[in-house]
PDB file of N, CA and C in Angstrom:
ATOM      1  N   ALA A   1     -78.561  17.647 -85.805  1.00  0.00           N
ATOM      2  CA  ALA A   1     -78.003  16.299 -85.339  1.00  0.00           C
ATOM      3  C   ALA A   1     -76.364  16.694 -85.391  1.00  0.00           C
ATOM      4  N   ALA A   2     -75.700  15.755 -84.792  1.00  0.00           N
ATOM      5  CA  ALA A   2     -74.588  15.983 -84.529  1.00  0.00           C
ATOM      6  C   ALA A   2     -73.647  15.358 -85.635  1.00  0.00           C
ATOM      7  N   TYR A   3     -72.101  15.873 -85.930  1.00  0.00           N
ATOM      8  CA  TYR A   3     -71.518  15.435 -86.853  1.00  0.00           C
ATOM      9  C   TYR A   3     -71.044  13.658 -86.268  1.00  0.00           C
ATOM     10  N   PRO A   4     -71.015  13.152 -86.896  1.00  0.00           N
ATOM     11  CA  PRO A   4     -70.990  12.886 -88.641  1.00  0.00           C
ATOM     12  C   PRO A   4     -72.313  12.600 -88.980  1.00  0.00           C
ATOM     13  N   HIS A   5     -72.962  12.632 -88.260  1.00  0.00           N
ATOM     14  CA  HIS A   5     -74.527  11.948 -88.635  1.00  0.00           C
ATOM     15  C   HIS A   5     -74.832  13.391 -89.629  1.00  0.00           C
ATOM     16  N   ILE A   6     -74.945  14.684 -89.771  1.00  0.00           N
ATOM     17  CA  ILE A   6     -75.321  15.537 -90.601  1.00  0.00           C
ATOM     18  C   ILE A   6     -74.409  15.723 -91.760  1.00  0.00           C
ATOM     19  N   HIS A   7     -73.266  15.180 -91.342  1.00  0.00           N
ATOM     20  CA  HIS A   7     -72.433  14.872 -92.975  1.00  0.00           C
ATOM     21  C   HIS A   7     -72.851  14.238 -93.525  1.00  0.00           C
ATOM     22  N   HIS A   8     -72.946  12.664 -93.291  1.00  0.00           N
ATOM     23  CA  HIS A   8     -73.805  11.556 -94.308  1.00  0.00           C
ATOM     24  C   HIS A   8     -74.936  12.100 -94.775  1.00  0.00           C
ATOM     25  N   MET A   9     -75.943  12.878 -93.931  1.00  0.00           N
ATOM     26  CA  MET A   9     -77.179  13.084 -94.387  1.00  0.00           C
ATOM     27  C   MET A   9     -77.059  14.209 -95.695  1.00  0.00           C
ATOM     28  N   THR A  10     -76.049  15.144 -95.705  1.00  0.00           N
ATOM     29  CA  THR A  10     -75.911  16.148 -96.439  1.00  0.00           C
ATOM     30  C   THR A  10     -75.113  15.825 -97.866  1.00  0.00           C
ATOM     31  N   LYS A  11     -74.563  14.539 -97.820  1.00  0.00           N
ATOM     32  CA  LYS A  11     -73.486  14.352 -98.514  1.00  0.00           C
ATOM     33  C   LYS A  11     -73.950  14.602-100.283  1.00  0.00           C
ATOM     34  N   GLN A  12     -74.946  13.955-100.722  1.00  0.00           N
ATOM     35  CA  GLN A  12     -75.390  14.642-102.137  1.00  0.00           C
ATOM     36  C   GLN A  12     -75.443  15.830-102.226  1.00  0.00           C
ATOM     37  N   LEU A  13     -75.912  16.754-101.197  1.00  0.00           N
ATOM     38  CA  LEU A  13     -76.243  18.229-101.278  1.00  0.00           C
ATOM     39  C   LEU A  13     -74.876  18.779-101.640  1.00  0.00           C
ATOM     40  N   ARG A  14     -74.080  18.501-101.090  1.00  0.00           N
ATOM     41  CA  ARG A  14     -72.326  18.870-100.661  1.00  0.00           C
ATOM     42  C   ARG A  14     -71.780  18.635-102.193  1.00  0.00           C
ATOM     43  N   LYS A  15     -72.187  17.334-102.815  1.00  0.00           N
ATOM     44  CA  LYS A  15     -71.713  16.638-103.544  1.00  0.00           C
ATOM     45  C   LYS A  15     -72.411  17.927-104.983  1.00  0.00           C
ATOM     46  N   ALA A  16     -73.466  17.892-105.243  1.00  0.00           N
ATOM     47  CA  ALA A  16     -74.045  18.878-106.044  1.00  0.00           C
ATOM     48  C   ALA A  16     -73.430  20.231-106.138  1.00  0.00           C
ATOM     49  N   ALA A  17     -73.411  20.758-104.724  1.00  0.00           N
ATOM     50  CA  ALA A  17     -72.769  21.949-104.541  1.00  0.00           C
ATOM     51  C   ALA A  17     -71.551  22.299-105.169  1.00  0.00           C
ATOM     52  N   ALA A  18     -70.671  21.216-104.728  1.00  0.00           N
ATOM     53  CA  ALA A  18     -69.212  20.798-105.308  1.00  0.00           C
ATOM     54  C   ALA A  18     -69.298  21.074-106.797  1.00  0.00           C
ATOM     55  N   GLN A  19     -70.133  20.388-107.518  1.00  0.00           N
ATOM     56  CA  GLN A  19     -70.101  20.329-109.069  1.00  0.00           C
ATOM     57  C   GLN A  19     -70.324  21.495-109.497  1.00  0.00           C
ATOM     58  N   ALA A  20     -71.620  22.422-108.672  1.00  0.00           N
ATOM     59  CA  ALA A  20     -72.065  23.636-109.200  1.00  0.00           C
ATOM     60  C   ALA A  20     -71.183  24.914-108.530  1.00  0.00           C
ATOM     61  N   ASN A  21     -70.164  24.635-108.121  1.00  0.00           N
ATOM     62  CA  ASN A  21     -69.469  25.568-107.702  1.00  0.00           C
ATOM     63  C   ASN A  21     -69.906  26.588-106.570  1.00  0.00           C
ATOM     64  N   ASP A  22     -70.699  26.195-105.765  1.00  0.00           N
ATOM     65  CA  ASP A  22     -71.830  27.220-104.711  1.00  0.00           C
ATOM     66  C   ASP A  22     -70.906  26.633-103.307  1.00  0.00           C
ATOM     67  N   PRO A  23     -69.931  27.632-102.574  1.00  0.00           N
ATOM     68  CA  PRO A  23     -69.708  27.489-101.696  1.00  0.00           C
ATOM     69  C   PRO A  23     -70.891  27.544-100.397  1.00  0.00           C
ATOM     70  N   GLN A  24     -71.929  28.433-101.032  1.00  0.00           N
ATOM     71  CA  GLN A  24     -73.031  28.530 -99.821  1.00  0.00           C
ATOM     72  C   GLN A  24     -73.541  27.194 -99.277  1.00  0.00           C
ATOM     73  N   VAL A  25     -73.455  26.277 -99.997  1.00  0.00           N
ATOM     74  CA  VAL A  25     -73.890  24.812 -99.525  1.00  0.00           C
ATOM     75  C   VAL A  25     -72.777  23.745 -99.444  1.00  0.00           C
ATOM     76  N   MET A  26     -71.802  24.216 -99.453  1.00  0.00           N
ATOM     77  CA  MET A  26     -70.644  23.109 -99.486  1.00  0.00           C
ATOM     78  C   MET A  26     -70.222  23.530 -97.743  1.00  0.00           C
ATOM     79  N   SER A  27     -69.487  22.387 -97.430  1.00  0.00           N
ATOM     80  CA  SER A  27     -68.971  22.253 -95.946  1.00  0.00           C
ATOM     81  C   SER A  27     -67.725  22.866 -96.097  1.00  0.00           C
ATOM     82  N   LEU A  28     -67.392  24.143 -95.547  1.00  0.00           N
ATOM     83  CA  LEU A  28     -66.166  24.531 -95.654  1.00  0.00           C
ATOM     84  C   LEU A  28     -65.625  24.964 -94.304  1.00  0.00           C
ATOM     85  N   TRP A  29     -64.677  24.102 -93.819  1.00  0.00           N
ATOM     86  CA  TRP A  29     -64.289  24.092 -92.460  1.00  0.00           C
ATOM     87  C   TRP A  29     -63.457  25.375 -92.012  1.00  0.00           C
ATOM     88  N   ALA A  30     -63.576  25.499 -90.867  1.00  0.00           N
ATOM     89  CA  ALA A  30     -63.416  27.002 -90.298  1.00  0.00           C
ATOM     90  C   ALA A  30     -62.607  27.118 -89.092  1.00  0.00           C
ATOM     91  N   GLY A  31     -62.806  26.065 -87.969  1.00  0.00           N
ATOM     92  CA  GLY A  31     -62.413  25.959 -87.238  1.00  0.00           C
ATOM     93  C   GLY A  31     -62.968  26.700 -86.076  1.00  0.00           C
ATOM     94  N   GLN A  32     -62.865  26.678 -84.543  1.00  0.00           N
ATOM     95  CA  GLN A  32     -63.413  27.657 -83.706  1.00  0.00           C
ATOM     96  C   GLN A  32     -63.479  28.882 -83.755  1.00  0.00           C
ATOM     97  N   GLY A  33     -62.401  29.381 -84.072  1.00  0.00           N
ATOM     98  CA  GLY A  33     -62.374  30.671 -84.025  1.00  0.00           C
ATOM     99  C   GLY A  33     -62.795  31.599 -85.240  1.00  0.00           C
ATOM    100  N   TYR A  34     -63.678  30.863 -86.332  1.00  0.00           N
ATOM    101  CA  TYR A  34     -63.872  31.821 -87.374  1.00  0.00           C
ATOM    102  C   TYR A  34     -64.851  32.612 -87.041  1.00  0.00           C
ATOM    103  N   ARG A  35     -65.269  32.840 -86.038  1.00  0.00           N
ATOM    104  CA  ARG A  35     -66.007  34.176 -85.648  1.00  0.00           C
ATOM    105  C   ARG A  35     -64.873  35.459 -85.597  1.00  0.00           C
ATOM    106  N   LEU A  36     -63.750  34.921 -85.448  1.00  0.00           N
ATOM    107  CA  LEU A  36     -62.726  36.554 -85.142  1.00  0.00           C
ATOM    108  C   LEU A  36     -61.983  36.622 -86.773  1.00  0.00           C
ATOM    109  N   ALA A  37     -62.634  35.981 -87.922  1.00  0.00           N
ATOM    110  CA  ALA A  37     -61.829  36.352 -89.024  1.00  0.00           C
ATOM    111  C   ALA A  37     -62.488  37.457 -89.415  1.00  0.00           C
ATOM    112  N   LYS A  38     -61.649  38.066 -90.374  1.00  0.00           N
ATOM    113  CA  LYS A  38     -61.665  39.661 -91.269  1.00  0.00           C
ATOM    114  C   LYS A  38     -62.025  39.623 -92.571  1.00  0.00           C
ATOM    115  N   ASP A  39     -63.054  40.383 -92.872  1.00  0.00           N
ATOM    116  CA  ASP A  39     -63.337  40.577 -94.637  1.00  0.00           C
ATOM    117  C   ASP A  39     -62.159  40.981 -94.933  1.00  0.00           C
ATOM    118  N   MET A  40     -60.962  40.505 -95.596  1.00  0.00           N
ATOM    119  CA  MET A  40     -59.777  40.997 -95.963  1.00  0.00           C
ATOM    120  C   MET A  40     -59.362  40.244 -97.123  1.00  0.00           C
ATOM    121  N   SER A  41     -58.479  40.802 -97.849  1.00  0.00           N
ATOM    122  CA  SER A  41     -57.983  40.403 -99.124  1.00  0.00           C
ATOM    123  C   SER A  41     -56.733  39.515 -98.774  1.00  0.00           C
ATOM    124  N   ALA A  42     -56.397  38.442 -99.635  1.00  0.00           N
ATOM    125  CA  ALA A  42     -55.111  37.598 -99.216  1.00  0.00           C
ATOM    126  C   ALA A  42     -53.843  39.090 -99.063  1.00  0.00           C
ATOM    127  N   GLY A  43     -54.048  39.771-100.013  1.00  0.00           N
ATOM    128  CA  GLY A  43     -53.099  40.708 -99.809  1.00  0.00           C
ATOM    129  C   GLY A  43     -52.752  41.280 -98.448  1.00  0.00           C
ATOM    130  N   GLU A  44     -53.809  42.172 -98.021  1.00  0.00           N
ATOM    131  CA  GLU A  44     -54.302  42.394 -97.069  1.00  0.00           C
ATOM    132  C   GLU A  44     -53.472  41.701 -95.566  1.00  0.00           C
ATOM    133  N   ILE A  45     -54.111  40.198 -95.654  1.00  0.00           N
ATOM    134  CA  ILE A  45     -53.727  39.513 -94.690  1.00  0.00           C
ATOM    135  C   ILE A  45     -52.232  39.603 -94.577  1.00  0.00           C
ATOM    136  N   VAL A  46     -51.502  39.306 -95.671  1.00  0.00           N
ATOM    137  CA  VAL A  46     -50.108  38.954 -95.555  1.00  0.00           C
ATOM    138  C   VAL A  46     -49.617  40.100 -95.175  1.00  0.00           C
ATOM    139  N   ARG A  47     -49.982  41.503 -95.566  1.00  0.00           N
ATOM    140  CA  ARG A  47     -49.387  42.769 -95.288  1.00  0.00           C
ATOM    141  C   ARG A  47     -49.537  42.946 -93.776  1.00  0.00           C
ATOM    142  N   LEU A  48     -50.813  42.617 -93.232  1.00  0.00           N
ATOM    143  CA  LEU A  48     -50.842  42.510 -91.892  1.00  0.00           C
ATOM    144  C   LEU A  48     -49.885  41.890 -90.755  1.00  0.00           C
ATOM    145  N   LEU A  49     -49.385  40.282 -91.547  1.00  0.00           N
ATOM    146  CA  LEU A  49     -48.546  39.303 -90.789  1.00  0.00           C
ATOM    147  C   LEU A  49     -47.366  39.821 -90.900  1.00  0.00           C
ATOM    148  N   VAL A  50     -46.799  40.612 -91.925  1.00  0.00           N
ATOM    149  CA  VAL A  50     -45.415  41.044 -91.850  1.00  0.00           C
ATOM    150  C   VAL A  50     -45.823  42.230 -91.054  1.00  0.00           C
ATOM    151  N   GLU A  51     -46.331  43.024 -90.747  1.00  0.00           N
ATOM    152  CA  GLU A  51     -46.285  44.123 -89.975  1.00  0.00           C
ATOM    153  C   GLU A  51     -46.259  43.527 -88.441  1.00  0.00           C
ATOM    154  N   GLU A  52     -46.856  42.517 -88.349  1.00  0.00           N
ATOM    155  CA  GLU A  52     -46.999  41.927 -86.870  1.00  0.00           C
ATOM    156  C   GLU A  52     -45.681  41.249 -86.543  1.00  0.00           C
ATOM    157  N   VAL A  53     -44.902  40.582 -87.607  1.00  0.00           N
ATOM    158  CA  VAL A  53     -43.927  39.756 -87.551  1.00  0.00           C
ATOM    159  C   VAL A  53     -43.097  40.814 -87.081  1.00  0.00           C
ATOM    160  N   TRP A  54     -42.749  42.274 -87.922  1.00  0.00           N
ATOM    161  CA  TRP A  54     -41.855  43.088 -87.460  1.00  0.00           C
ATOM    162  C   TRP A  54     -41.699  43.630 -86.019  1.00  0.00           C
ATOM    163  N   GLU A  55     -43.220  43.932 -85.844  1.00  0.00           N
ATOM    164  CA  GLU A  55     -43.343  44.302 -84.140  1.00  0.00           C
ATOM    165  C   GLU A  55     -42.814  43.076 -83.402  1.00  0.00           C
ATOM    166  N   THR A  56     -43.359  41.962 -83.513  1.00  0.00           N
ATOM    167  CA  THR A  56     -42.937  40.952 -83.024  1.00  0.00           C
ATOM    168  C   THR A  56     -40.994  40.853 -82.858  1.00  0.00           C
ATOM    169  N   ILE A  57     -40.763  41.153 -83.664  1.00  0.00           N
ATOM    170  CA  ILE A  57     -39.218  41.117 -83.680  1.00  0.00           C
ATOM    171  C   ILE A  57     -38.577  42.364 -83.128  1.00  0.00           C
ATOM    172  N   GLU A  58     -39.129  43.448 -83.069  1.00  0.00           N
ATOM    173  CA  GLU A  58     -38.923  44.300 -82.315  1.00  0.00           C
ATOM    174  C   GLU A  58     -39.132  44.568 -80.754  1.00  0.00           C
ATOM    175  N   GLN A  59     -40.152  44.059 -80.503  1.00  0.00           N
ATOM    176  CA  GLN A  59     -40.333  43.271 -78.989  1.00  0.00           C
ATOM    177  C   GLN A  59     -39.474  42.539 -78.446  1.00  0.00           C
ATOM    178  N   ILE A  60     -38.874  41.807 -79.238  1.00  0.00           N
ATOM    179  CA  ILE A  60     -38.091  40.352 -78.936  1.00  0.00           C
ATOM    180  C   ILE A  60     -36.465  41.310 -78.754  1.00  0.00           C
ATOM    181  N   ASN A  61     -36.241  41.887 -79.518  1.00  0.00           N
ATOM    182  CA  ASN A  61     -34.978  42.701 -79.468  1.00  0.00           C
ATOM    183  C   ASN A  61     -34.790  43.678 -78.607  1.00  0.00           C
ATOM    184  N   GLY A  62     -35.982  44.300 -77.893  1.00  0.00           N
ATOM    185  CA  GLY A  62     -36.168  44.537 -76.297  1.00  0.00           C
ATOM    186  C   GLY A  62     -35.623  44.050 -75.369  1.00  0.00           C
ATOM    187  N   PHE A  63     -35.798  43.089 -75.748  1.00  0.00           N
ATOM    188  CA  PHE A  63     -35.392  41.911 -74.390  1.00  0.00           C
ATOM    189  C   PHE A  63     -34.300  41.325 -74.747  1.00  0.00           C
ATOM    190  N   ILE A  64     -33.526  41.525 -75.527  1.00  0.00           N
ATOM    191  CA  ILE A  64     -32.145  40.626 -75.866  1.00  0.00           C
ATOM    192  C   ILE A  64     -30.876  41.708 -75.307  1.00  0.00           C
ATOM    193  N   THR A  65     -29.962  41.495 -74.799  1.00  0.00           N
ATOM    194  CA  THR A  65     -29.143  42.297 -74.550  1.00  0.00           C
ATOM    195  C   THR A  65     -27.586  42.010 -75.225  1.00  0.00           C
ATOM    196  N   TYR A  66     -26.768  43.008 -75.656  1.00  0.00           N
ATOM    197  CA  TYR A  66     -25.979  42.324 -76.192  1.00  0.00           C
ATOM    198  C   TYR A  66     -24.598  42.548 -75.491  1.00  0.00           C
ATOM    199  N   ASP A  67     -23.692  41.984 -74.624  1.00  0.00           N
ATOM    200  CA  ASP A  67     -22.631  42.326 -73.938  1.00  0.00           C
ATOM    201  C   ASP A  67     -21.832  42.077 -74.689  1.00  0.00           C
TER     202      ASP A  67
END
């Protein structure tokens, strides 16, 4: 069944899962790109983001001319 029908049909199941702190049965939205997610710790993700930001800054600096 399409959303929102499945949402309403599983309301009690999701409520019980939340009370039991069981994420396997909860609705945890991930968006369309969830398949691109990598199994990493939060620290690893932040480190990767910082690296990518610095790489981007270096690329941008390559395009800027200072006259």
